[in-house]
């Protein structure tokens, strides 16, 4: 199964500065005044960070319903159409199809392409473009307004997932931000996006998961989602070596567009024999032939823990 390549022709990165104001007692420019705690006061620990709709565990308590995309082009997915606030309202409406008294609570998510593969190699020769942090912050604010997760998707080009994940560390340190890896766009040094289907070794995925797990433990964060997209067996090399990590909800997601039967076959192939990993299923509003209904999706075996619309 092949997929289209969306080309980002030209991008200008604009740096942004963050001003931090100092708070002074009385506001008169004097030095801050130290105030002693009252005698006998009981010190309490700050509450642990929570997920957008409460709690600290995502799966299997919830079913995640995500919209995918980026604002550079409508063809990159539904999430990028309209402002982040409009995208948040549209996402909340979409969750209704998966809600119900006998179904798991739905946790919405915005899957923003934070690193976009490009046809042009760029000055560094890496065939990838990193979103401006200011844009990511806009989607994070919109996700929080919708009580949704933000999932940052990486299409690394000739870079690698560890390098690109670490570049997103300030966002991944937040309690409501997860990560998605797209091996289709993980190129070797001599490969060009769109000419070949990329691949990643399981050990590189494990390094990302381990790094995220250490962050979760160190900062007492809620569990984080780590999605890995796949539609061909070779996209995750030595897949049997993938390892679970405490605090990380590892999701193997069936990607790729086509007819319903073809997508179901891909889902069965991607999820086979991987006990201990959660499952995901992706749908395409434009490219799928006969978009599957929520009822059809929820009749899949195993039922997907994560459902994504592009």
C-alpha atoms as a PDB file:
ATOM      1  CA  UNK A   1       0.000   0.000   0.000  1.00  0.00           C
ATOM      2  CA  UNK A   2       1.430   3.369  -0.874  1.00  0.00           C
ATOM      3  CA  UNK A   3       0.595   6.837   0.325  1.00  0.00           C
ATOM      4  CA  UNK A   4       0.819  10.285  -1.148  1.00  0.00           C
ATOM      5  CA  UNK A   5       3.625  12.657  -0.318  1.00  0.00           C
ATOM      6  CA  UNK A   6       2.561  16.114   0.795  1.00  0.00           C
ATOM      7  CA  UNK A   7       5.216  18.619  -0.167  1.00  0.00           C
ATOM      8  CA  UNK A   8       5.927  21.670   1.937  1.00  0.00           C
ATOM      9  CA  UNK A   9       7.498  24.029  -0.580  1.00  0.00           C
ATOM     10  CA  UNK A  10       8.949  26.791   1.557  1.00  0.00           C
ATOM     11  CA  UNK A  11       8.973  27.527   5.239  1.00  0.00           C
ATOM     12  CA  UNK A  12      10.325  30.513   7.110  1.00  0.00           C
ATOM     13  CA  UNK A  13      11.155  29.958  10.736  1.00  0.00           C
ATOM     14  CA  UNK A  14      10.480  32.908  12.954  1.00  0.00           C
ATOM     15  CA  UNK A  15      12.055  32.856  16.365  1.00  0.00           C
ATOM     16  CA  UNK A  16      10.017  33.907  19.347  1.00  0.00           C
ATOM     17  CA  UNK A  17      11.192  35.342  22.639  1.00  0.00           C
ATOM     18  CA  UNK A  18       9.558  34.791  25.989  1.00  0.00           C
ATOM     19  CA  UNK A  19       9.718  37.614  28.494  1.00  0.00           C
ATOM     20  CA  UNK A  20       9.717  36.643  32.140  1.00  0.00           C
ATOM     21  CA  UNK A  21       8.675  39.310  34.639  1.00  0.00           C
ATOM     22  CA  UNK A  22       9.982  39.381  38.175  1.00  0.00           C
ATOM     23  CA  UNK A  23       7.351  39.704  40.924  1.00  0.00           C
ATOM     24  CA  UNK A  24       8.371  42.120  43.666  1.00  0.00           C
ATOM     25  CA  UNK A  25       6.720  42.818  46.980  1.00  0.00           C
ATOM     26  CA  UNK A  26       4.666  46.025  46.934  1.00  0.00           C
ATOM     27  CA  UNK A  27       5.405  46.646  43.251  1.00  0.00           C
ATOM     28  CA  UNK A  28       7.768  49.523  44.076  1.00  0.00           C
ATOM     29  CA  UNK A  29      10.932  48.011  42.664  1.00  0.00           C
ATOM     30  CA  UNK A  30      12.288  46.980  46.049  1.00  0.00           C
ATOM     31  CA  UNK A  31      13.735  43.533  46.748  1.00  0.00           C
ATOM     32  CA  UNK A  32      11.278  40.715  47.464  1.00  0.00           C
ATOM     33  CA  UNK A  33      10.325  40.353  51.103  1.00  0.00           C
ATOM     34  CA  UNK A  34      10.678  36.938  52.731  1.00  0.00           C
ATOM     35  CA  UNK A  35       7.589  35.954  54.714  1.00  0.00           C
ATOM     36  CA  UNK A  36       7.933  33.233  57.328  1.00  0.00           C
ATOM     37  CA  UNK A  37       5.291  30.519  57.527  1.00  0.00           C
ATOM     38  CA  UNK A  38       3.057  30.712  60.616  1.00  0.00           C
ATOM     39  CA  UNK A  39       4.201  28.616  63.551  1.00  0.00           C
ATOM     40  CA  UNK A  40       2.704  25.136  63.494  1.00  0.00           C
ATOM     41  CA  UNK A  41       1.714  25.360  59.819  1.00  0.00           C
ATOM     42  CA  UNK A  42       1.458  21.982  58.066  1.00  0.00           C
ATOM     43  CA  UNK A  43       3.276  21.727  54.762  1.00  0.00           C
ATOM     44  CA  UNK A  44       1.344  19.806  52.120  1.00  0.00           C
ATOM     45  CA  UNK A  45       2.704  18.289  48.925  1.00  0.00           C
ATOM     46  CA  UNK A  46       1.429  19.838  45.692  1.00  0.00           C
ATOM     47  CA  UNK A  47      -1.181  17.695  43.905  1.00  0.00           C
ATOM     48  CA  UNK A  48       0.135  15.338  41.256  1.00  0.00           C
ATOM     49  CA  UNK A  49      -0.424  16.461  37.635  1.00  0.00           C
ATOM     50  CA  UNK A  50      -3.627  15.126  36.094  1.00  0.00           C
ATOM     51  CA  UNK A  51      -4.836  14.245  32.606  1.00  0.00           C
ATOM     52  CA  UNK A  52      -7.194  16.695  30.849  1.00  0.00           C
ATOM     53  CA  UNK A  53     -10.325  14.923  32.120  1.00  0.00           C
ATOM     54  CA  UNK A  54      -8.892  13.776  35.433  1.00  0.00           C
ATOM     55  CA  UNK A  55      -6.891  10.801  36.558  1.00  0.00           C
ATOM     56  CA  UNK A  56      -3.393   9.733  35.606  1.00  0.00           C
ATOM     57  CA  UNK A  57      -3.944   6.654  33.426  1.00  0.00           C
ATOM     58  CA  UNK A  58      -5.012   6.824  29.752  1.00  0.00           C
ATOM     59  CA  UNK A  59      -5.327   3.192  28.624  1.00  0.00           C
ATOM     60  CA  UNK A  60      -7.258   0.968  28.989  1.00  0.00           C
ATOM     61  CA  UNK A  61      -9.620   3.222  30.972  1.00  0.00           C
ATOM     62  CA  UNK A  62     -10.332   5.452  27.957  1.00  0.00           C
ATOM     63  CA  UNK A  63     -10.639   5.215  24.200  1.00  0.00           C
ATOM     64  CA  UNK A  64      -8.632   7.994  22.572  1.00  0.00           C
ATOM     65  CA  UNK A  65     -10.255   9.739  19.586  1.00  0.00           C
ATOM     66  CA  UNK A  66      -7.784  11.914  17.666  1.00  0.00           C
ATOM     67  CA  UNK A  67      -7.793  14.332  14.745  1.00  0.00           C
ATOM     68  CA  UNK A  68      -4.530  14.469  12.782  1.00  0.00           C
ATOM     69  CA  UNK A  69      -2.895  17.164  10.668  1.00  0.00           C
ATOM     70  CA  UNK A  70      -1.013  20.453  10.480  1.00  0.00           C
ATOM     71  CA  UNK A  71      -1.993  23.967   9.356  1.00  0.00           C
ATOM     72  CA  UNK A  72       0.489  24.194   6.467  1.00  0.00           C
ATOM     73  CA  UNK A  73      -1.953  22.481   4.080  1.00  0.00           C
ATOM     74  CA  UNK A  74      -5.501  21.102   4.302  1.00  0.00           C
ATOM     75  CA  UNK A  75      -4.236  17.915   2.662  1.00  0.00           C
ATOM     76  CA  UNK A  76      -2.130  17.170   5.744  1.00  0.00           C
ATOM     77  CA  UNK A  77      -5.271  16.312   7.688  1.00  0.00           C
ATOM     78  CA  UNK A  78      -8.467  17.495   9.355  1.00  0.00           C
ATOM     79  CA  UNK A  79      -6.708  19.023  12.372  1.00  0.00           C
ATOM     80  CA  UNK A  80      -5.088  21.760  10.282  1.00  0.00           C
ATOM     81  CA  UNK A  81      -8.336  23.027   8.736  1.00  0.00           C
ATOM     82  CA  UNK A  82      -9.397  26.257  10.449  1.00  0.00           C
ATOM     83  CA  UNK A  83      -7.954  27.780  13.594  1.00  0.00           C
ATOM     84  CA  UNK A  84      -6.816  25.623  16.524  1.00  0.00           C
ATOM     85  CA  UNK A  85      -9.948  26.712  18.428  1.00  0.00           C
ATOM     86  CA  UNK A  86     -12.178  25.617  15.526  1.00  0.00           C
ATOM     87  CA  UNK A  87     -10.271  22.328  15.377  1.00  0.00           C
ATOM     88  CA  UNK A  88     -10.902  21.811  19.087  1.00  0.00           C
ATOM     89  CA  UNK A  89     -14.652  22.336  18.742  1.00  0.00           C
ATOM     90  CA  UNK A  90     -14.778  19.977  15.737  1.00  0.00           C
ATOM     91  CA  UNK A  91     -12.869  17.326  17.694  1.00  0.00           C
ATOM     92  CA  UNK A  92     -15.239  17.523  20.651  1.00  0.00           C
ATOM     93  CA  UNK A  93     -18.205  17.039  18.305  1.00  0.00           C
ATOM     94  CA  UNK A  94     -16.542  14.007  16.678  1.00  0.00           C
ATOM     95  CA  UNK A  95     -16.235  12.197  20.022  1.00  0.00           C
ATOM     96  CA  UNK A  96     -20.018  11.775  20.213  1.00  0.00           C
ATOM     97  CA  UNK A  97     -19.956   8.925  17.688  1.00  0.00           C
ATOM     98  CA  UNK A  98     -17.760   6.919  20.068  1.00  0.00           C
ATOM     99  CA  UNK A  99     -19.519   7.824  23.318  1.00  0.00           C
ATOM    100  CA  UNK A 100     -22.282   5.862  24.995  1.00  0.00           C
ATOM    101  CA  UNK A 101     -23.325   4.343  28.320  1.00  0.00           C
ATOM    102  CA  UNK A 102     -21.845   0.928  27.458  1.00  0.00           C
ATOM    103  CA  UNK A 103     -18.628   2.260  25.937  1.00  0.00           C
ATOM    104  CA  UNK A 104     -15.365   3.435  27.430  1.00  0.00           C
ATOM    105  CA  UNK A 105     -15.101   7.167  28.194  1.00  0.00           C
ATOM    106  CA  UNK A 106     -13.651   9.006  25.197  1.00  0.00           C
ATOM    107  CA  UNK A 107     -10.516  11.086  25.678  1.00  0.00           C
ATOM    108  CA  UNK A 108     -10.069  13.427  22.679  1.00  0.00           C
ATOM    109  CA  UNK A 109      -6.633  14.212  21.283  1.00  0.00           C
ATOM    110  CA  UNK A 110      -5.073  16.525  18.716  1.00  0.00           C
ATOM    111  CA  UNK A 111      -2.295  14.804  16.763  1.00  0.00           C
ATOM    112  CA  UNK A 112      -0.270  17.706  15.392  1.00  0.00           C
ATOM    113  CA  UNK A 113       2.525  17.019  12.906  1.00  0.00           C
ATOM    114  CA  UNK A 114       5.304  18.751  14.830  1.00  0.00           C
ATOM    115  CA  UNK A 115       8.084  17.635  12.448  1.00  0.00           C
ATOM    116  CA  UNK A 116       7.026  17.574   8.780  1.00  0.00           C
ATOM    117  CA  UNK A 117       8.898  15.665   6.077  1.00  0.00           C
ATOM    118  CA  UNK A 118       9.772  17.805   3.057  1.00  0.00           C
ATOM    119  CA  UNK A 119      10.652  17.111  -0.567  1.00  0.00           C
ATOM    120  CA  UNK A 120      13.457  19.674  -0.378  1.00  0.00           C
ATOM    121  CA  UNK A 121      16.525  18.598   1.584  1.00  0.00           C
ATOM    122  CA  UNK A 122      16.942  22.017   3.209  1.00  0.00           C
ATOM    123  CA  UNK A 123      20.172  23.644   4.345  1.00  0.00           C
ATOM    124  CA  UNK A 124      20.939  20.759   6.719  1.00  0.00           C
ATOM    125  CA  UNK A 125      20.087  18.066   4.164  1.00  0.00           C
ATOM    126  CA  UNK A 126      17.617  16.371   6.527  1.00  0.00           C
ATOM    127  CA  UNK A 127      14.376  16.681   4.509  1.00  0.00           C
ATOM    128  CA  UNK A 128      12.387  17.799   7.530  1.00  0.00           C
ATOM    129  CA  UNK A 129      10.882  20.984   8.983  1.00  0.00           C
ATOM    130  CA  UNK A 130      10.246  21.627  12.686  1.00  0.00           C
ATOM    131  CA  UNK A 131       7.142  23.574  13.596  1.00  0.00           C
ATOM    132  CA  UNK A 132       7.630  26.919  15.337  1.00  0.00           C
ATOM    133  CA  UNK A 133       7.225  26.415  19.119  1.00  0.00           C
ATOM    134  CA  UNK A 134       4.718  29.290  19.128  1.00  0.00           C
ATOM    135  CA  UNK A 135       2.440  27.292  16.814  1.00  0.00           C
ATOM    136  CA  UNK A 136       2.709  24.199  19.012  1.00  0.00           C
ATOM    137  CA  UNK A 137       1.757  26.337  22.012  1.00  0.00           C
ATOM    138  CA  UNK A 138      -1.351  27.543  20.158  1.00  0.00           C
ATOM    139  CA  UNK A 139      -2.496  23.952  19.627  1.00  0.00           C
ATOM    140  CA  UNK A 140      -1.668  23.065  23.225  1.00  0.00           C
ATOM    141  CA  UNK A 141      -3.881  25.916  24.439  1.00  0.00           C
ATOM    142  CA  UNK A 142      -6.678  24.750  22.116  1.00  0.00           C
ATOM    143  CA  UNK A 143      -6.285  21.152  23.290  1.00  0.00           C
ATOM    144  CA  UNK A 144      -6.535  22.255  26.910  1.00  0.00           C
ATOM    145  CA  UNK A 145      -9.637  24.309  26.166  1.00  0.00           C
ATOM    146  CA  UNK A 146     -11.194  21.127  24.715  1.00  0.00           C
ATOM    147  CA  UNK A 147      -9.905  19.015  27.659  1.00  0.00           C
ATOM    148  CA  UNK A 148      -7.943  16.975  25.123  1.00  0.00           C
ATOM    149  CA  UNK A 149      -4.461  15.516  24.827  1.00  0.00           C
ATOM    150  CA  UNK A 150      -1.916  16.966  22.411  1.00  0.00           C
ATOM    151  CA  UNK A 151       0.085  14.299  20.547  1.00  0.00           C
ATOM    152  CA  UNK A 152       3.150  15.545  18.658  1.00  0.00           C
ATOM    153  CA  UNK A 153       3.776  13.562  15.474  1.00  0.00           C
ATOM    154  CA  UNK A 154       7.291  13.191  14.056  1.00  0.00           C
ATOM    155  CA  UNK A 155       8.085  12.676  10.352  1.00  0.00           C
ATOM    156  CA  UNK A 156      11.878  12.840  10.724  1.00  0.00           C
ATOM    157  CA  UNK A 157      13.159  12.654   7.135  1.00  0.00           C
ATOM    158  CA  UNK A 158      16.894  11.909   7.358  1.00  0.00           C
ATOM    159  CA  UNK A 159      17.000  12.829  11.032  1.00  0.00           C
ATOM    160  CA  UNK A 160      16.051  10.237  13.672  1.00  0.00           C
ATOM    161  CA  UNK A 161      13.268   9.865  16.229  1.00  0.00           C
ATOM    162  CA  UNK A 162      15.481  10.247  19.307  1.00  0.00           C
ATOM    163  CA  UNK A 163      16.922  13.573  18.128  1.00  0.00           C
ATOM    164  CA  UNK A 164      13.537  14.966  17.131  1.00  0.00           C
ATOM    165  CA  UNK A 165      11.807  13.775  20.313  1.00  0.00           C
ATOM    166  CA  UNK A 166      14.448  15.427  22.476  1.00  0.00           C
ATOM    167  CA  UNK A 167      13.953  18.686  20.575  1.00  0.00           C
ATOM    168  CA  UNK A 168      10.316  18.559  21.734  1.00  0.00           C
ATOM    169  CA  UNK A 169      11.253  17.957  25.385  1.00  0.00           C
ATOM    170  CA  UNK A 170       9.812  21.249  26.722  1.00  0.00           C
ATOM    171  CA  UNK A 171       6.380  20.188  25.440  1.00  0.00           C
ATOM    172  CA  UNK A 172       6.669  16.512  26.359  1.00  0.00           C
ATOM    173  CA  UNK A 173       7.434  17.575  29.937  1.00  0.00           C
ATOM    174  CA  UNK A 174       3.809  18.754  30.142  1.00  0.00           C
ATOM    175  CA  UNK A 175       1.303  16.286  31.673  1.00  0.00           C
ATOM    176  CA  UNK A 176      -1.052  16.298  28.677  1.00  0.00           C
ATOM    177  CA  UNK A 177       1.375  15.917  25.738  1.00  0.00           C
ATOM    178  CA  UNK A 178       2.242  12.600  24.055  1.00  0.00           C
ATOM    179  CA  UNK A 179       4.238  11.512  21.014  1.00  0.00           C
ATOM    180  CA  UNK A 180       3.687   9.743  17.681  1.00  0.00           C
ATOM    181  CA  UNK A 181       6.390   8.265  15.419  1.00  0.00           C
ATOM    182  CA  UNK A 182       5.831   7.826  11.683  1.00  0.00           C
ATOM    183  CA  UNK A 183       8.406   5.346  10.305  1.00  0.00           C
ATOM    184  CA  UNK A 184       7.110   5.827   6.740  1.00  0.00           C
ATOM    185  CA  UNK A 185       9.083   9.081   6.715  1.00  0.00           C
ATOM    186  CA  UNK A 186      12.192   7.873   8.591  1.00  0.00           C
ATOM    187  CA  UNK A 187      14.830   7.894   5.821  1.00  0.00           C
ATOM    188  CA  UNK A 188      18.326   6.464   5.668  1.00  0.00           C
ATOM    189  CA  UNK A 189      21.109   8.935   4.703  1.00  0.00           C
ATOM    190  CA  UNK A 190      20.855   8.085   0.993  1.00  0.00           C
ATOM    191  CA  UNK A 191      17.029   7.913   0.793  1.00  0.00           C
ATOM    192  CA  UNK A 192      14.582  10.565  -0.428  1.00  0.00           C
ATOM    193  CA  UNK A 193      11.057  10.897   1.001  1.00  0.00           C
ATOM    194  CA  UNK A 194       8.366   9.794  -1.419  1.00  0.00           C
ATOM    195  CA  UNK A 195      10.668   7.556  -3.416  1.00  0.00           C
ATOM    196  CA  UNK A 196      10.865   4.826  -0.786  1.00  0.00           C
ATOM    197  CA  UNK A 197       8.869   3.779   2.255  1.00  0.00           C
ATOM    198  CA  UNK A 198      10.908   4.449   5.362  1.00  0.00           C
ATOM    199  CA  UNK A 199      11.631   2.208   8.315  1.00  0.00           C
ATOM    200  CA  UNK A 200      12.878   2.304  11.897  1.00  0.00           C
ATOM    201  CA  UNK A 201      14.653  -0.288  13.999  1.00  0.00           C
ATOM    202  CA  UNK A 202      12.836  -1.405  17.157  1.00  0.00           C
ATOM    203  CA  UNK A 203      15.784  -0.337  19.302  1.00  0.00           C
ATOM    204  CA  UNK A 204      15.390   3.289  18.194  1.00  0.00           C
ATOM    205  CA  UNK A 205      11.744   3.169  19.249  1.00  0.00           C
ATOM    206  CA  UNK A 206      12.786   1.628  22.578  1.00  0.00           C
ATOM    207  CA  UNK A 207      15.253   4.475  23.144  1.00  0.00           C
ATOM    208  CA  UNK A 208      12.478   7.027  22.655  1.00  0.00           C
ATOM    209  CA  UNK A 209      10.136   5.093  24.962  1.00  0.00           C
ATOM    210  CA  UNK A 210      12.815   4.728  27.635  1.00  0.00           C
ATOM    211  CA  UNK A 211      13.640   8.428  27.520  1.00  0.00           C
ATOM    212  CA  UNK A 212       9.947   9.312  27.871  1.00  0.00           C
ATOM    213  CA  UNK A 213       9.504   6.822  30.737  1.00  0.00           C
ATOM    214  CA  UNK A 214      12.377   8.424  32.656  1.00  0.00           C
ATOM    215  CA  UNK A 215      10.781  11.842  32.170  1.00  0.00           C
ATOM    216  CA  UNK A 216       7.441  10.548  33.457  1.00  0.00           C
ATOM    217  CA  UNK A 217       9.097   9.094  36.566  1.00  0.00           C
ATOM    218  CA  UNK A 218      11.322  12.089  37.276  1.00  0.00           C
ATOM    219  CA  UNK A 219       8.487  14.618  37.001  1.00  0.00           C
ATOM    220  CA  UNK A 220       5.696  12.477  38.492  1.00  0.00           C
ATOM    221  CA  UNK A 221       3.715  12.877  35.273  1.00  0.00           C
ATOM    222  CA  UNK A 222       0.581  10.966  34.273  1.00  0.00           C
ATOM    223  CA  UNK A 223       0.973   8.155  31.744  1.00  0.00           C
ATOM    224  CA  UNK A 224       1.930   9.231  28.224  1.00  0.00           C
ATOM    225  CA  UNK A 225       0.872   7.878  24.853  1.00  0.00           C
ATOM    226  CA  UNK A 226       3.542   6.757  22.399  1.00  0.00           C
ATOM    227  CA  UNK A 227       2.000   5.945  19.000  1.00  0.00           C
ATOM    228  CA  UNK A 228       3.913   4.148  16.249  1.00  0.00           C
ATOM    229  CA  UNK A 229       2.271   4.254  12.817  1.00  0.00           C
ATOM    230  CA  UNK A 230       2.648   1.250  10.511  1.00  0.00           C
ATOM    231  CA  UNK A 231       1.037  -0.200   7.377  1.00  0.00           C
ATOM    232  CA  UNK A 232       3.785  -2.542   6.108  1.00  0.00           C
ATOM    233  CA  UNK A 233       5.669  -5.205   8.045  1.00  0.00           C
ATOM    234  CA  UNK A 234       9.103  -3.836   7.205  1.00  0.00           C
ATOM    235  CA  UNK A 235       8.402  -0.382   8.619  1.00  0.00           C
ATOM    236  CA  UNK A 236       9.423  -1.548  12.121  1.00  0.00           C
ATOM    237  CA  UNK A 237      12.536  -3.666  11.751  1.00  0.00           C
ATOM    238  CA  UNK A 238      13.030  -6.401  14.400  1.00  0.00           C
ATOM    239  CA  UNK A 239       9.573  -5.560  15.758  1.00  0.00           C
ATOM    240  CA  UNK A 240       9.737  -8.466  18.199  1.00  0.00           C
ATOM    241  CA  UNK A 241      12.295  -6.479  20.197  1.00  0.00           C
ATOM    242  CA  UNK A 242       9.857  -3.692  21.083  1.00  0.00           C
ATOM    243  CA  UNK A 243       9.638  -3.383  24.865  1.00  0.00           C
ATOM    244  CA  UNK A 244       6.940  -1.933  27.140  1.00  0.00           C
ATOM    245  CA  UNK A 245       7.947   0.828  29.569  1.00  0.00           C
ATOM    246  CA  UNK A 246       6.294   1.866  32.815  1.00  0.00           C
ATOM    247  CA  UNK A 247       4.280   5.060  32.413  1.00  0.00           C
ATOM    248  CA  UNK A 248       4.120   4.745  28.603  1.00  0.00           C
ATOM    249  CA  UNK A 249       0.974   3.607  26.776  1.00  0.00           C
ATOM    250  CA  UNK A 250       2.606   2.058  23.704  1.00  0.00           C
ATOM    251  CA  UNK A 251       0.191   1.971  20.751  1.00  0.00           C
ATOM    252  CA  UNK A 252       0.790   0.142  17.461  1.00  0.00           C
ATOM    253  CA  UNK A 253      -1.387   2.047  15.004  1.00  0.00           C
ATOM    254  CA  UNK A 254      -2.655   0.616  11.696  1.00  0.00           C
ATOM    255  CA  UNK A 255      -2.087   3.386   9.159  1.00  0.00           C
ATOM    256  CA  UNK A 256      -2.831   3.559   5.445  1.00  0.00           C
ATOM    257  CA  UNK A 257      -5.934   4.313   3.390  1.00  0.00           C
ATOM    258  CA  UNK A 258      -8.108   2.150   1.152  1.00  0.00           C
ATOM    259  CA  UNK A 259     -11.278   0.077   1.229  1.00  0.00           C
ATOM    260  CA  UNK A 260     -12.772  -1.213   4.462  1.00  0.00           C
ATOM    261  CA  UNK A 261     -11.652  -4.846   3.909  1.00  0.00           C
ATOM    262  CA  UNK A 262      -8.122  -3.736   3.010  1.00  0.00           C
ATOM    263  CA  UNK A 263      -7.878  -1.583   6.128  1.00  0.00           C
ATOM    264  CA  UNK A 264      -9.175  -4.392   8.335  1.00  0.00           C
ATOM    265  CA  UNK A 265      -6.533  -6.720   6.880  1.00  0.00           C
ATOM    266  CA  UNK A 266      -3.830  -4.144   7.647  1.00  0.00           C
ATOM    267  CA  UNK A 267      -5.138  -3.800  11.192  1.00  0.00           C
ATOM    268  CA  UNK A 268      -5.027  -7.548  11.781  1.00  0.00           C
ATOM    269  CA  UNK A 269      -1.496  -7.748  10.394  1.00  0.00           C
ATOM    270  CA  UNK A 270      -0.214  -4.797  12.457  1.00  0.00           C
ATOM    271  CA  UNK A 271      -1.734  -6.024  15.723  1.00  0.00           C
ATOM    272  CA  UNK A 272      -0.991  -9.746  15.387  1.00  0.00           C
ATOM    273  CA  UNK A 273       0.852 -11.407  18.242  1.00  0.00           C
ATOM    274  CA  UNK A 274       1.753  -8.173  20.025  1.00  0.00           C
ATOM    275  CA  UNK A 275       0.322  -8.927  23.449  1.00  0.00           C
ATOM    276  CA  UNK A 276       0.870  -6.120  25.915  1.00  0.00           C
ATOM    277  CA  UNK A 277       0.716  -3.291  23.367  1.00  0.00           C
ATOM    278  CA  UNK A 278      -2.371  -1.186  22.753  1.00  0.00           C
ATOM    279  CA  UNK A 279      -3.854  -0.914  19.264  1.00  0.00           C
ATOM    280  CA  UNK A 280      -4.825   1.986  17.044  1.00  0.00           C
ATOM    281  CA  UNK A 281      -6.768   2.393  13.804  1.00  0.00           C
ATOM    282  CA  UNK A 282      -6.533   5.321  11.397  1.00  0.00           C
ATOM    283  CA  UNK A 283      -9.195   6.554   8.967  1.00  0.00           C
ATOM    284  CA  UNK A 284      -8.946   9.064   6.118  1.00  0.00           C
ATOM    285  CA  UNK A 285     -11.872  11.372   5.355  1.00  0.00           C
ATOM    286  CA  UNK A 286     -10.758  11.930   1.757  1.00  0.00           C
ATOM    287  CA  UNK A 287      -8.674   8.926   0.697  1.00  0.00           C
ATOM    288  CA  UNK A 288     -10.606   6.005   2.198  1.00  0.00           C
ATOM    289  CA  UNK A 289     -13.043   4.280  -0.148  1.00  0.00           C
ATOM    290  CA  UNK A 290     -16.280   4.108   1.805  1.00  0.00           C
ATOM    291  CA  UNK A 291     -15.392   5.628   5.196  1.00  0.00           C
ATOM    292  CA  UNK A 292     -16.014   3.069   7.928  1.00  0.00           C
ATOM    293  CA  UNK A 293     -18.587   3.998  10.573  1.00  0.00           C
ATOM    294  CA  UNK A 294     -17.790   4.165  14.278  1.00  0.00           C
ATOM    295  CA  UNK A 295     -19.856   0.991  14.730  1.00  0.00           C
ATOM    296  CA  UNK A 296     -17.712  -0.857  12.193  1.00  0.00           C
ATOM    297  CA  UNK A 297     -14.535   0.393  13.850  1.00  0.00           C
ATOM    298  CA  UNK A 298     -15.706  -0.764  17.279  1.00  0.00           C
ATOM    299  CA  UNK A 299     -16.486  -4.226  15.934  1.00  0.00           C
ATOM    300  CA  UNK A 300     -12.834  -4.784  15.054  1.00  0.00           C
ATOM    301  CA  UNK A 301     -11.013  -7.451  17.069  1.00  0.00           C
ATOM    302  CA  UNK A 302      -9.279  -6.383  19.172  1.00  0.00           C
ATOM    303  CA  UNK A 303     -11.261  -3.169  19.583  1.00  0.00           C
ATOM    304  CA  UNK A 304      -8.920  -0.224  18.929  1.00  0.00           C
ATOM    305  CA  UNK A 305      -7.759   1.690  21.979  1.00  0.00           C
ATOM    306  CA  UNK A 306      -7.001   4.687  19.757  1.00  0.00           C
ATOM    307  CA  UNK A 307      -8.947   5.873  16.695  1.00  0.00           C
ATOM    308  CA  UNK A 308      -7.420   8.582  14.490  1.00  0.00           C
ATOM    309  CA  UNK A 309      -8.997  10.591  11.670  1.00  0.00           C
ATOM    310  CA  UNK A 310      -6.868  12.389   9.079  1.00  0.00           C
END
